Amino acid sequence: MATNVIAETDTIMVVCPTGRYKGEGDPVINGEPNCENECHCKALPCLFTNGTCKDGCAIGWRGITCNERDCGVENGGCHHQCTEDKREEWCSCDEGFDISPNDSRECIDINECEGERGVDYDEDCHICVNTIGSYTCGCDDGYELDSATNQTCIALNEANKSNANEVANMVILKLGTRVKHLEEELKSTKKELKEEQYSRRTSIRITDLPENNDENVSDLVNDLFKTMNRNPVINRVHRVGPKDQNKNRSRQCQFTTYPDKYQVMLREKAIRGSHPSVLISEDLTRTRSRIAYLAREKKRQKMCGPRTAGCV
């Protein structure tokens, strides 16, 4: 195809042959179209107006004269990887592939098995079997494919060790996941217990206060506090647990304010004379109550010793 220069007032149109374009310099040099470079216009033949492709740039190119790499659209036309800062060979391939000799943007599989054993594929690969982008192996009698790589043959006893290691790693992974889950669960439980205990900060537990069928629990507790010279404001009070004929149920008493509770706790020993068996204590959650009991037992054993008679 012949090249043409068409002058239209201030516009110079250049038509370059298929595969050529004006990439750098003036669109017309010495009265001839500048068609010395590869064509990167969208359509062929390349038609330029003042050095610019009239129909835009081909995939992989951008700029006024379509001579800048562009990997942002359809990966620059590359099959695998596109690199914008490379003028030549901007397309590259993943491992196991190589650029096609027929198309610099296309990637084709490398057949490692056509190469040299120990160089292109593993020395311990008995029978090389090519796969897309890689290879695997067939193994002689007494050997087995290593499941860790799928590219080497190992003796059966070594294969058993490899499988054992694989199982061990899987168990460790599962245990790690389970431990992490338990740690998160423990953290959540601690938070819940802390919040529950905080909700009891204005409450006390009264143990072994005599119980009658027709008693008024509030009056009974208020009478107890009067023996302590205290008159706190009670929010609510109730018995704890099911009725048992063999023992008195404890009472849970919640005060309106923490100072009321604090004043009662300061005077709890004042009831020893009139109510020697009654105990006033913090209203602990079940978990904290168990911990407190174990701590008291530990202290008792430490003070008494295992062979001390009559130690209570």
C-alpha atoms as a PDB file:
ATOM      1  CA  MET A   1       0.000   0.000   0.000  1.00  0.00           C
ATOM      2  CA  ALA A   2       1.345   3.397  -0.930  1.00  0.00           C
ATOM      3  CA  THR A   3       1.690   6.123   1.638  1.00  0.00           C
ATOM      4  CA  ASN A   4      -0.175   9.371   1.206  1.00  0.00           C
ATOM      5  CA  VAL A   5       0.036  12.831   2.709  1.00  0.00           C
ATOM      6  CA  ILE A   6      -3.160  14.849   2.591  1.00  0.00           C
ATOM      7  CA  ALA A   7      -2.933  18.558   3.460  1.00  0.00           C
ATOM      8  CA  GLU A   8      -6.130  20.091   4.845  1.00  0.00           C
ATOM      9  CA  THR A   9      -5.599  23.664   6.101  1.00  0.00           C
ATOM     10  CA  ASP A  10      -3.823  23.253   9.482  1.00  0.00           C
ATOM     11  CA  THR A  11      -4.359  19.480   9.639  1.00  0.00           C
ATOM     12  CA  ILE A  12      -1.910  16.967   8.249  1.00  0.00           C
ATOM     13  CA  MET A  13      -3.282  13.467   7.758  1.00  0.00           C
ATOM     14  CA  VAL A  14      -0.881  10.600   7.258  1.00  0.00           C
ATOM     15  CA  VAL A  15      -1.855   7.156   6.050  1.00  0.00           C
ATOM     16  CA  CYS A  16       0.830   4.573   6.758  1.00  0.00           C
ATOM     17  CA  PRO A  17       0.991   1.060   5.318  1.00  0.00           C
ATOM     18  CA  THR A  18      -0.280  -1.828   7.385  1.00  0.00           C
ATOM     19  CA  GLY A  19       2.096  -2.490  10.253  1.00  0.00           C
ATOM     20  CA  ARG A  20       3.748   0.958  10.217  1.00  0.00           C
ATOM     21  CA  TYR A  21       2.955   4.173  12.044  1.00  0.00           C
ATOM     22  CA  LYS A  22       4.267   7.605  12.972  1.00  0.00           C
ATOM     23  CA  GLY A  23       5.647   7.096  16.473  1.00  0.00           C
ATOM     24  CA  GLU A  24       8.209   9.833  17.027  1.00  0.00           C
ATOM     25  CA  GLY A  25       9.175  13.056  15.275  1.00  0.00           C
ATOM     26  CA  ASP A  26       7.143  15.062  12.815  1.00  0.00           C
ATOM     27  CA  PRO A  27       4.274  13.383  10.960  1.00  0.00           C
ATOM     28  CA  VAL A  28       5.872  14.442   7.662  1.00  0.00           C
ATOM     29  CA  ILE A  29       9.616  14.497   7.068  1.00  0.00           C
ATOM     30  CA  ASN A  30      10.983  15.916   3.789  1.00  0.00           C
ATOM     31  CA  GLY A  31       7.522  15.752   2.284  1.00  0.00           C
ATOM     32  CA  GLU A  32       7.135  12.053   3.118  1.00  0.00           C
ATOM     33  CA  PRO A  33       4.931  10.426   5.806  1.00  0.00           C
ATOM     34  CA  ASN A  34       6.828   9.361   8.914  1.00  0.00           C
ATOM     35  CA  CYS A  35       5.990   5.655   8.934  1.00  0.00           C
ATOM     36  CA  GLU A  36       9.225   4.280  10.326  1.00  0.00           C
ATOM     37  CA  ASN A  37       7.849   2.574  13.427  1.00  0.00           C
ATOM     38  CA  GLU A  38       5.554  -0.302  14.330  1.00  0.00           C
ATOM     39  CA  CYS A  39       1.860   0.540  14.117  1.00  0.00           C
ATOM     40  CA  HIS A  40      -0.019   0.699  17.441  1.00  0.00           C
ATOM     41  CA  CYS A  41      -3.299   2.125  16.195  1.00  0.00           C
ATOM     42  CA  LYS A  42      -6.478   0.181  16.903  1.00  0.00           C
ATOM     43  CA  ALA A  43      -7.291  -0.424  13.233  1.00  0.00           C
ATOM     44  CA  LEU A  44      -5.090  -1.080  10.243  1.00  0.00           C
ATOM     45  CA  PRO A  45      -3.878   0.540   8.105  1.00  0.00           C
ATOM     46  CA  CYS A  46      -2.783   3.275  10.511  1.00  0.00           C
ATOM     47  CA  LEU A  47      -4.463   6.610   9.842  1.00  0.00           C
ATOM     48  CA  PHE A  48      -2.961   9.556  11.730  1.00  0.00           C
ATOM     49  CA  THR A  49      -4.021  13.154  12.125  1.00  0.00           C
ATOM     50  CA  ASN A  50      -1.085  15.285  13.238  1.00  0.00           C
ATOM     51  CA  GLY A  51       0.613  12.146  14.526  1.00  0.00           C
ATOM     52  CA  THR A  52      -2.376  10.789  16.485  1.00  0.00           C
ATOM     53  CA  CYS A  53      -4.251   7.564  15.704  1.00  0.00           C
ATOM     54  CA  LYS A  54      -7.715   8.627  14.609  1.00  0.00           C
ATOM     55  CA  ASP A  55      -9.394   5.464  15.927  1.00  0.00           C
ATOM     56  CA  GLY A  56      -7.414   5.218  19.186  1.00  0.00           C
ATOM     57  CA  CYS A  57      -4.673   2.882  20.379  1.00  0.00           C
ATOM     58  CA  ALA A  58      -4.439  -0.867  20.127  1.00  0.00           C
ATOM     59  CA  ILE A  59      -4.675  -2.984  23.304  1.00  0.00           C
ATOM     60  CA  GLY A  60      -1.484  -2.622  25.330  1.00  0.00           C
ATOM     61  CA  TRP A  61      -0.758   0.941  24.185  1.00  0.00           C
ATOM     62  CA  ARG A  62      -1.675   4.484  25.166  1.00  0.00           C
ATOM     63  CA  GLY A  63      -0.487   8.070  24.756  1.00  0.00           C
ATOM     64  CA  ILE A  64      -0.906  10.697  22.056  1.00  0.00           C
ATOM     65  CA  THR A  65       1.040   8.678  19.507  1.00  0.00           C
ATOM     66  CA  CYS A  66       0.191   5.269  21.049  1.00  0.00           C
ATOM     67  CA  ASN A  67       3.809   4.537  21.950  1.00  0.00           C
ATOM     68  CA  GLU A  68       3.407   4.051  25.733  1.00  0.00           C
ATOM     69  CA  ARG A  69       2.809   0.631  27.267  1.00  0.00           C
ATOM     70  CA  ASP A  70      -0.596   0.102  28.930  1.00  0.00           C
ATOM     71  CA  CYS A  71      -1.116  -2.981  31.128  1.00  0.00           C
ATOM     72  CA  GLY A  72      -4.355  -1.638  32.589  1.00  0.00           C
ATOM     73  CA  VAL A  73      -6.595  -2.784  29.734  1.00  0.00           C
ATOM     74  CA  GLU A  74      -6.910  -6.531  29.126  1.00  0.00           C
ATOM     75  CA  ASN A  75      -3.500  -7.020  30.774  1.00  0.00           C
ATOM     76  CA  GLY A  76      -1.829  -5.206  27.877  1.00  0.00           C
ATOM     77  CA  GLY A  77      -2.723  -8.112  25.607  1.00  0.00           C
ATOM     78  CA  CYS A  78      -0.311 -10.352  27.553  1.00  0.00           C
ATOM     79  CA  HIS A  79      -1.213 -13.968  28.268  1.00  0.00           C
ATOM     80  CA  HIS A  80       0.336 -13.971  31.765  1.00  0.00           C
ATOM     81  CA  GLN A  81       2.225 -10.927  33.055  1.00  0.00           C
ATOM     82  CA  CYS A  82       2.543  -7.380  31.719  1.00  0.00           C
ATOM     83  CA  THR A  83       5.283  -4.887  32.668  1.00  0.00           C
ATOM     84  CA  GLU A  84       4.760  -1.280  31.596  1.00  0.00           C
ATOM     85  CA  ASP A  85       8.339  -0.065  32.095  1.00  0.00           C
ATOM     86  CA  LYS A  86       9.699  -2.356  29.387  1.00  0.00           C
ATOM     87  CA  ARG A  87       9.791  -1.066  25.826  1.00  0.00           C
ATOM     88  CA  GLU A  88      10.501  -4.491  24.355  1.00  0.00           C
ATOM     89  CA  GLU A  89       9.337  -7.872  25.643  1.00  0.00           C
ATOM     90  CA  TRP A  90       6.862  -6.335  28.063  1.00  0.00           C
ATOM     91  CA  CYS A  91       4.989  -9.627  28.315  1.00  0.00           C
ATOM     92  CA  SER A  92       6.428 -12.376  30.525  1.00  0.00           C
ATOM     93  CA  CYS A  93       5.277 -15.829  31.603  1.00  0.00           C
ATOM     94  CA  ASP A  94       4.684 -17.743  34.805  1.00  0.00           C
ATOM     95  CA  GLU A  95       7.077 -20.462  35.916  1.00  0.00           C
ATOM     96  CA  GLY A  96       6.863 -23.475  33.636  1.00  0.00           C
ATOM     97  CA  PHE A  97       5.990 -21.376  30.580  1.00  0.00           C
ATOM     98  CA  ASP A  98       7.924 -19.442  27.946  1.00  0.00           C
ATOM     99  CA  ILE A  99       7.130 -16.765  25.347  1.00  0.00           C
ATOM    100  CA  SER A 100       5.832 -18.217  22.084  1.00  0.00           C
ATOM    101  CA  PRO A 101       8.183 -17.767  19.119  1.00  0.00           C
ATOM    102  CA  ASN A 102       5.159 -16.837  17.015  1.00  0.00           C
ATOM    103  CA  ASP A 103       3.609 -14.245  19.345  1.00  0.00           C
ATOM    104  CA  SER A 104       5.533 -12.205  21.924  1.00  0.00           C
ATOM    105  CA  ARG A 105       2.380 -11.904  24.032  1.00  0.00           C
ATOM    106  CA  GLU A 106       1.500 -15.598  24.163  1.00  0.00           C
ATOM    107  CA  CYS A 107       2.875 -18.078  26.737  1.00  0.00           C
ATOM    108  CA  ILE A 108       3.408 -21.741  25.904  1.00  0.00           C
ATOM    109  CA  ASP A 109       4.165 -24.679  28.173  1.00  0.00           C
ATOM    110  CA  ILE A 110       7.784 -25.744  28.687  1.00  0.00           C
ATOM    111  CA  ASN A 111       8.155 -29.498  28.307  1.00  0.00           C
ATOM    112  CA  GLU A 112      10.694 -30.218  31.051  1.00  0.00           C
ATOM    113  CA  CYS A 113      10.707 -33.891  30.115  1.00  0.00           C
ATOM    114  CA  GLU A 114      12.388 -33.110  26.796  1.00  0.00           C
ATOM    115  CA  GLY A 115      15.324 -31.714  28.742  1.00  0.00           C
ATOM    116  CA  GLU A 116      18.103 -33.349  30.743  1.00  0.00           C
ATOM    117  CA  ARG A 117      17.414 -35.375  33.885  1.00  0.00           C
ATOM    118  CA  GLY A 118      18.878 -33.681  36.943  1.00  0.00           C
ATOM    119  CA  VAL A 119      18.922 -30.351  35.093  1.00  0.00           C
ATOM    120  CA  ASP A 120      15.503 -29.706  33.610  1.00  0.00           C
ATOM    121  CA  TYR A 121      13.715 -32.150  35.894  1.00  0.00           C
ATOM    122  CA  ASP A 122      14.627 -33.815  39.199  1.00  0.00           C
ATOM    123  CA  GLU A 123      17.337 -36.470  39.343  1.00  0.00           C
ATOM    124  CA  ASP A 124      15.053 -38.683  41.465  1.00  0.00           C
ATOM    125  CA  CYS A 125      12.239 -38.527  38.930  1.00  0.00           C
ATOM    126  CA  HIS A 126      12.342 -41.974  37.271  1.00  0.00           C
ATOM    127  CA  ILE A 127       9.834 -41.403  34.465  1.00  0.00           C
ATOM    128  CA  CYS A 128       9.143 -37.767  33.637  1.00  0.00           C
ATOM    129  CA  VAL A 129       5.544 -36.946  32.699  1.00  0.00           C
ATOM    130  CA  ASN A 130       4.924 -33.447  31.368  1.00  0.00           C
ATOM    131  CA  THR A 131       1.954 -31.429  32.628  1.00  0.00           C
ATOM    132  CA  ILE A 132       0.763 -27.933  31.731  1.00  0.00           C
ATOM    133  CA  GLY A 133       3.189 -25.574  33.440  1.00  0.00           C
ATOM    134  CA  SER A 134       5.009 -28.319  35.315  1.00  0.00           C
ATOM    135  CA  TYR A 135       5.721 -32.060  35.374  1.00  0.00           C
ATOM    136  CA  THR A 136       5.214 -35.126  37.542  1.00  0.00           C
ATOM    137  CA  CYS A 137       6.841 -38.535  37.746  1.00  0.00           C
ATOM    138  CA  GLY A 138       6.279 -42.232  37.368  1.00  0.00           C
ATOM    139  CA  CYS A 139       8.307 -44.336  39.816  1.00  0.00           C
ATOM    140  CA  ASP A 140      10.097 -47.679  39.641  1.00  0.00           C
ATOM    141  CA  ASP A 141       9.106 -50.683  41.778  1.00  0.00           C
ATOM    142  CA  GLY A 142       9.892 -50.153  45.464  1.00  0.00           C
ATOM    143  CA  TYR A 143       9.435 -46.413  45.124  1.00  0.00           C
ATOM    144  CA  GLU A 144       6.545 -44.047  45.525  1.00  0.00           C
ATOM    145  CA  LEU A 145       5.806 -40.519  44.346  1.00  0.00           C
ATOM    146  CA  ASP A 146       6.598 -37.980  47.066  1.00  0.00           C
ATOM    147  CA  SER A 147       3.235 -36.337  47.802  1.00  0.00           C
ATOM    148  CA  ALA A 148       4.994 -33.218  49.081  1.00  0.00           C
ATOM    149  CA  THR A 149       6.380 -32.317  45.636  1.00  0.00           C
ATOM    150  CA  ASN A 150       4.849 -34.774  43.126  1.00  0.00           C
ATOM    151  CA  GLN A 151       8.171 -34.482  41.295  1.00  0.00           C
ATOM    152  CA  THR A 152      10.462 -36.998  43.018  1.00  0.00           C
ATOM    153  CA  CYS A 153      10.405 -40.717  43.739  1.00  0.00           C
ATOM    154  CA  ILE A 154      11.250 -41.923  47.242  1.00  0.00           C
ATOM    155  CA  ALA A 155      11.716 -45.395  48.699  1.00  0.00           C
ATOM    156  CA  LEU A 156       8.588 -46.831  50.299  1.00  0.00           C
ATOM    157  CA  ASN A 157       9.948 -46.603  53.868  1.00  0.00           C
ATOM    158  CA  GLU A 158      10.801 -42.951  53.271  1.00  0.00           C
ATOM    159  CA  ALA A 159       7.346 -42.473  51.822  1.00  0.00           C
ATOM    160  CA  ASN A 160       5.852 -43.769  55.055  1.00  0.00           C
ATOM    161  CA  LYS A 161       7.937 -41.262  56.989  1.00  0.00           C
ATOM    162  CA  SER A 162       6.790 -38.524  54.648  1.00  0.00           C
ATOM    163  CA  ASN A 163       3.150 -39.523  55.127  1.00  0.00           C
ATOM    164  CA  ALA A 164       3.641 -39.650  58.893  1.00  0.00           C
ATOM    165  CA  ASN A 165       5.113 -36.163  58.837  1.00  0.00           C
ATOM    166  CA  GLU A 166       2.222 -34.969  56.719  1.00  0.00           C
ATOM    167  CA  VAL A 167      -0.293 -36.443  59.180  1.00  0.00           C
ATOM    168  CA  ALA A 168       1.609 -34.940  62.117  1.00  0.00           C
ATOM    169  CA  ASN A 169       1.606 -31.519  60.488  1.00  0.00           C
ATOM    170  CA  MET A 170      -2.117 -31.817  59.854  1.00  0.00           C
ATOM    171  CA  VAL A 171      -2.749 -32.754  63.503  1.00  0.00           C
ATOM    172  CA  ILE A 172      -0.609 -29.837  64.691  1.00  0.00           C
ATOM    173  CA  LEU A 173      -2.539 -27.493  62.428  1.00  0.00           C
ATOM    174  CA  LYS A 174      -5.880 -28.751  63.731  1.00  0.00           C
ATOM    175  CA  LEU A 175      -4.696 -28.534  67.338  1.00  0.00           C
ATOM    176  CA  GLY A 176      -3.469 -25.004  66.747  1.00  0.00           C
ATOM    177  CA  THR A 177      -6.864 -24.041  65.361  1.00  0.00           C
ATOM    178  CA  ARG A 178      -8.605 -25.701  68.309  1.00  0.00           C
ATOM    179  CA  VAL A 179      -6.343 -23.979  70.845  1.00  0.00           C
ATOM    180  CA  LYS A 180      -7.011 -20.627  69.217  1.00  0.00           C
ATOM    181  CA  HIS A 181     -10.750 -21.296  69.372  1.00  0.00           C
ATOM    182  CA  LEU A 182     -10.527 -22.284  73.048  1.00  0.00           C
ATOM    183  CA  GLU A 183      -8.478 -19.183  73.853  1.00  0.00           C
ATOM    184  CA  GLU A 184     -11.121 -16.995  72.239  1.00  0.00           C
ATOM    185  CA  GLU A 185     -13.849 -18.898  74.088  1.00  0.00           C
ATOM    186  CA  LEU A 186     -11.986 -18.519  77.398  1.00  0.00           C
ATOM    187  CA  LYS A 187     -11.528 -14.811  76.796  1.00  0.00           C
ATOM    188  CA  SER A 188     -15.239 -14.444  76.107  1.00  0.00           C
ATOM    189  CA  THR A 189     -16.135 -16.485  79.208  1.00  0.00           C
ATOM    190  CA  LYS A 190     -13.854 -14.390  81.420  1.00  0.00           C
ATOM    191  CA  LYS A 191     -15.502 -11.253  80.114  1.00  0.00           C
ATOM    192  CA  GLU A 192     -18.969 -12.650  80.814  1.00  0.00           C
ATOM    193  CA  LEU A 193     -17.978 -13.739  84.336  1.00  0.00           C
ATOM    194  CA  LYS A 194     -16.463 -10.342  85.040  1.00  0.00           C
ATOM    195  CA  GLU A 195     -19.610  -8.600  83.862  1.00  0.00           C
ATOM    196  CA  GLU A 196     -21.802 -10.947  85.909  1.00  0.00           C
ATOM    197  CA  GLN A 197     -19.719 -10.388  89.049  1.00  0.00           C
ATOM    198  CA  TYR A 198     -19.838  -6.635  88.512  1.00  0.00           C
ATOM    199  CA  SER A 199     -23.628  -6.818  88.383  1.00  0.00           C
ATOM    200  CA  ARG A 200     -23.461  -8.241  91.944  1.00  0.00           C
ATOM    201  CA  ARG A 201     -21.287  -5.479  93.360  1.00  0.00           C
ATOM    202  CA  THR A 202     -24.173  -4.160  95.498  1.00  0.00           C
ATOM    203  CA  SER A 203     -25.258  -7.639  96.687  1.00  0.00           C
ATOM    204  CA  ILE A 204     -24.377  -9.877  99.632  1.00  0.00           C
ATOM    205  CA  ARG A 205     -25.100 -13.503 100.507  1.00  0.00           C
ATOM    206  CA  ILE A 206     -26.519 -14.332 103.967  1.00  0.00           C
ATOM    207  CA  THR A 207     -25.951 -17.963 104.931  1.00  0.00           C
ATOM    208  CA  ASP A 208     -27.624 -20.123 107.615  1.00  0.00           C
ATOM    209  CA  LEU A 209     -30.205 -17.573 108.742  1.00  0.00           C
ATOM    210  CA  PRO A 210     -33.099 -19.616 110.267  1.00  0.00           C
ATOM    211  CA  GLU A 211     -35.963 -20.176 107.854  1.00  0.00           C
ATOM    212  CA  ASN A 212     -39.707 -20.313 108.627  1.00  0.00           C
ATOM    213  CA  ASN A 213     -42.574 -21.149 106.309  1.00  0.00           C
ATOM    214  CA  ASP A 214     -44.525 -17.984 107.108  1.00  0.00           C
ATOM    215  CA  GLU A 215     -41.571 -15.609 107.325  1.00  0.00           C
ATOM    216  CA  ASN A 216     -41.273 -12.275 105.566  1.00  0.00           C
ATOM    217  CA  VAL A 217     -37.796 -12.409 104.074  1.00  0.00           C
ATOM    218  CA  SER A 218     -37.359  -8.626 103.941  1.00  0.00           C
ATOM    219  CA  ASP A 219     -38.399  -8.162 107.569  1.00  0.00           C
ATOM    220  CA  LEU A 220     -36.132 -11.004 108.678  1.00  0.00           C
ATOM    221  CA  VAL A 221     -33.104  -9.478 106.950  1.00  0.00           C
ATOM    222  CA  ASN A 222     -33.902  -5.964 108.189  1.00  0.00           C
ATOM    223  CA  ASP A 223     -34.091  -7.289 111.762  1.00  0.00           C
ATOM    224  CA  LEU A 224     -30.667  -8.841 111.261  1.00  0.00           C
ATOM    225  CA  PHE A 225     -29.221  -5.521 110.096  1.00  0.00           C
ATOM    226  CA  LYS A 226     -30.705  -3.739 113.117  1.00  0.00           C
ATOM    227  CA  THR A 227     -28.580  -5.942 115.387  1.00  0.00           C
ATOM    228  CA  MET A 228     -25.619  -4.475 113.506  1.00  0.00           C
ATOM    229  CA  ASN A 229     -26.878  -0.894 114.027  1.00  0.00           C
ATOM    230  CA  ARG A 230     -27.354  -0.558 110.301  1.00  0.00           C
ATOM    231  CA  ASN A 231     -30.408   0.534 108.346  1.00  0.00           C
ATOM    232  CA  PRO A 232     -29.473   0.150 104.656  1.00  0.00           C
ATOM    233  CA  VAL A 233     -31.891   0.683 101.781  1.00  0.00           C
ATOM    234  CA  ILE A 234     -32.644  -2.732 100.316  1.00  0.00           C
ATOM    235  CA  ASN A 235     -33.517  -3.034  96.661  1.00  0.00           C
ATOM    236  CA  ARG A 236     -34.609  -6.669  96.863  1.00  0.00           C
ATOM    237  CA  VAL A 237     -33.998  -9.835  98.858  1.00  0.00           C
ATOM    238  CA  HIS A 238     -34.915 -13.461  98.157  1.00  0.00           C
ATOM    239  CA  ARG A 239     -34.091 -17.039  99.075  1.00  0.00           C
ATOM    240  CA  VAL A 240     -31.634 -18.929  96.863  1.00  0.00           C
ATOM    241  CA  GLY A 241     -32.295 -22.449  95.619  1.00  0.00           C
ATOM    242  CA  PRO A 242     -35.022 -25.029  96.307  1.00  0.00           C
ATOM    243  CA  LYS A 243     -36.352 -25.635  99.799  1.00  0.00           C
ATOM    244  CA  ASP A 244     -34.472 -28.234 101.857  1.00  0.00           C
ATOM    245  CA  GLN A 245     -35.801 -29.480 105.202  1.00  0.00           C
ATOM    246  CA  ASN A 246     -32.289 -30.333 106.378  1.00  0.00           C
ATOM    247  CA  LYS A 247     -30.739 -26.887 105.987  1.00  0.00           C
ATOM    248  CA  ASN A 248     -31.561 -23.214 105.755  1.00  0.00           C
ATOM    249  CA  ARG A 249     -31.463 -21.636 102.328  1.00  0.00           C
ATOM    250  CA  SER A 250     -29.181 -18.655 101.882  1.00  0.00           C
ATOM    251  CA  ARG A 251     -30.593 -15.209 101.129  1.00  0.00           C
ATOM    252  CA  GLN A 252     -29.381 -12.931  98.403  1.00  0.00           C
ATOM    253  CA  CYS A 253     -29.727  -9.292  99.336  1.00  0.00           C
ATOM    254  CA  GLN A 254     -29.205  -6.432  96.895  1.00  0.00           C
ATOM    255  CA  PHE A 255     -28.811  -2.886  98.178  1.00  0.00           C
ATOM    256  CA  THR A 256     -29.686   0.287  96.337  1.00  0.00           C
ATOM    257  CA  THR A 257     -26.128   1.618  96.589  1.00  0.00           C
ATOM    258  CA  TYR A 258     -22.675   0.193  97.095  1.00  0.00           C
ATOM    259  CA  PRO A 259     -22.009   2.304 100.262  1.00  0.00           C
ATOM    260  CA  ASP A 260     -24.967   0.562 101.965  1.00  0.00           C
ATOM    261  CA  LYS A 261     -23.403  -2.797 101.196  1.00  0.00           C
ATOM    262  CA  TYR A 262     -19.982  -1.604 102.322  1.00  0.00           C
ATOM    263  CA  GLN A 263     -21.302  -0.470 105.717  1.00  0.00           C
ATOM    264  CA  VAL A 264     -22.994  -3.844 106.287  1.00  0.00           C
ATOM    265  CA  MET A 265     -19.821  -5.752 105.360  1.00  0.00           C
ATOM    266  CA  LEU A 266     -17.824  -3.646 107.835  1.00  0.00           C
ATOM    267  CA  ARG A 267     -20.172  -4.693 110.634  1.00  0.00           C
ATOM    268  CA  GLU A 268     -20.697  -8.335 109.688  1.00  0.00           C
ATOM    269  CA  LYS A 269     -18.853  -9.580 112.806  1.00  0.00           C
ATOM    270  CA  ALA A 270     -21.304  -7.688 115.033  1.00  0.00           C
ATOM    271  CA  ILE A 271     -23.903 -10.440 114.572  1.00  0.00           C
ATOM    272  CA  ARG A 272     -21.707 -13.184 116.031  1.00  0.00           C
ATOM    273  CA  GLY A 273     -23.236 -12.761 119.489  1.00  0.00           C
ATOM    274  CA  SER A 274     -26.904 -12.896 118.470  1.00  0.00           C
ATOM    275  CA  HIS A 275     -26.529 -15.088 115.375  1.00  0.00           C
ATOM    276  CA  PRO A 276     -23.337 -17.142 115.788  1.00  0.00           C
ATOM    277  CA  SER A 277     -24.029 -19.458 112.835  1.00  0.00           C
ATOM    278  CA  VAL A 278     -24.982 -16.736 110.352  1.00  0.00           C
ATOM    279  CA  LEU A 279     -22.385 -15.710 107.783  1.00  0.00           C
ATOM    280  CA  ILE A 280     -22.490 -12.571 105.640  1.00  0.00           C
ATOM    281  CA  SER A 281     -20.261 -12.663 102.560  1.00  0.00           C
ATOM    282  CA  GLU A 282     -19.805 -11.334  99.046  1.00  0.00           C
ATOM    283  CA  ASP A 283     -22.394 -12.538  96.545  1.00  0.00           C
ATOM    284  CA  LEU A 284     -20.001 -14.439  94.274  1.00  0.00           C
ATOM    285  CA  THR A 285     -20.777 -16.124  90.986  1.00  0.00           C
ATOM    286  CA  ARG A 286     -20.705 -19.923  90.959  1.00  0.00           C
ATOM    287  CA  THR A 287     -17.249 -19.949  89.367  1.00  0.00           C
ATOM    288  CA  ARG A 288     -15.733 -17.440  91.784  1.00  0.00           C
ATOM    289  CA  SER A 289     -17.388 -19.162  94.727  1.00  0.00           C
ATOM    290  CA  ARG A 290     -15.699 -22.421  93.721  1.00  0.00           C
ATOM    291  CA  ILE A 291     -12.338 -20.669  93.405  1.00  0.00           C
ATOM    292  CA  ALA A 292     -12.760 -19.093  96.850  1.00  0.00           C
ATOM    293  CA  TYR A 293     -13.584 -22.495  98.367  1.00  0.00           C
ATOM    294  CA  LEU A 294     -10.508 -24.122  96.838  1.00  0.00           C
ATOM    295  CA  ALA A 295      -8.349 -21.236  98.075  1.00  0.00           C
ATOM    296  CA  ARG A 296      -9.666 -21.678 101.638  1.00  0.00           C
ATOM    297  CA  GLU A 297      -9.024 -25.420 101.476  1.00  0.00           C
ATOM    298  CA  LYS A 298      -5.492 -24.821 100.263  1.00  0.00           C
ATOM    299  CA  LYS A 299      -4.860 -22.379 103.086  1.00  0.00           C
ATOM    300  CA  ARG A 300      -6.310 -24.786 105.666  1.00  0.00           C
ATOM    301  CA  GLN A 301      -4.120 -27.647 104.452  1.00  0.00           C
ATOM    302  CA  LYS A 302      -1.061 -25.429 104.520  1.00  0.00           C
ATOM    303  CA  MET A 303      -1.769 -24.286 108.086  1.00  0.00           C
ATOM    304  CA  CYS A 304      -2.788 -27.669 109.474  1.00  0.00           C
ATOM    305  CA  GLY A 305      -0.629 -30.058 107.518  1.00  0.00           C
ATOM    306  CA  PRO A 306      -1.750 -33.521 106.381  1.00  0.00           C
ATOM    307  CA  ARG A 307      -1.179 -35.222 109.784  1.00  0.00           C
ATOM    308  CA  THR A 308      -2.397 -32.587 112.231  1.00  0.00           C
ATOM    309  CA  ALA A 309      -5.221 -34.033 114.310  1.00  0.00           C
ATOM    310  CA  GLY A 310      -8.262 -31.956 115.155  1.00  0.00           C
ATOM    311  CA  CYS A 311      -7.538 -29.207 112.639  1.00  0.00           C
ATOM    312  CA  VAL A 312     -10.748 -27.805 111.160  1.00  0.00           C
END
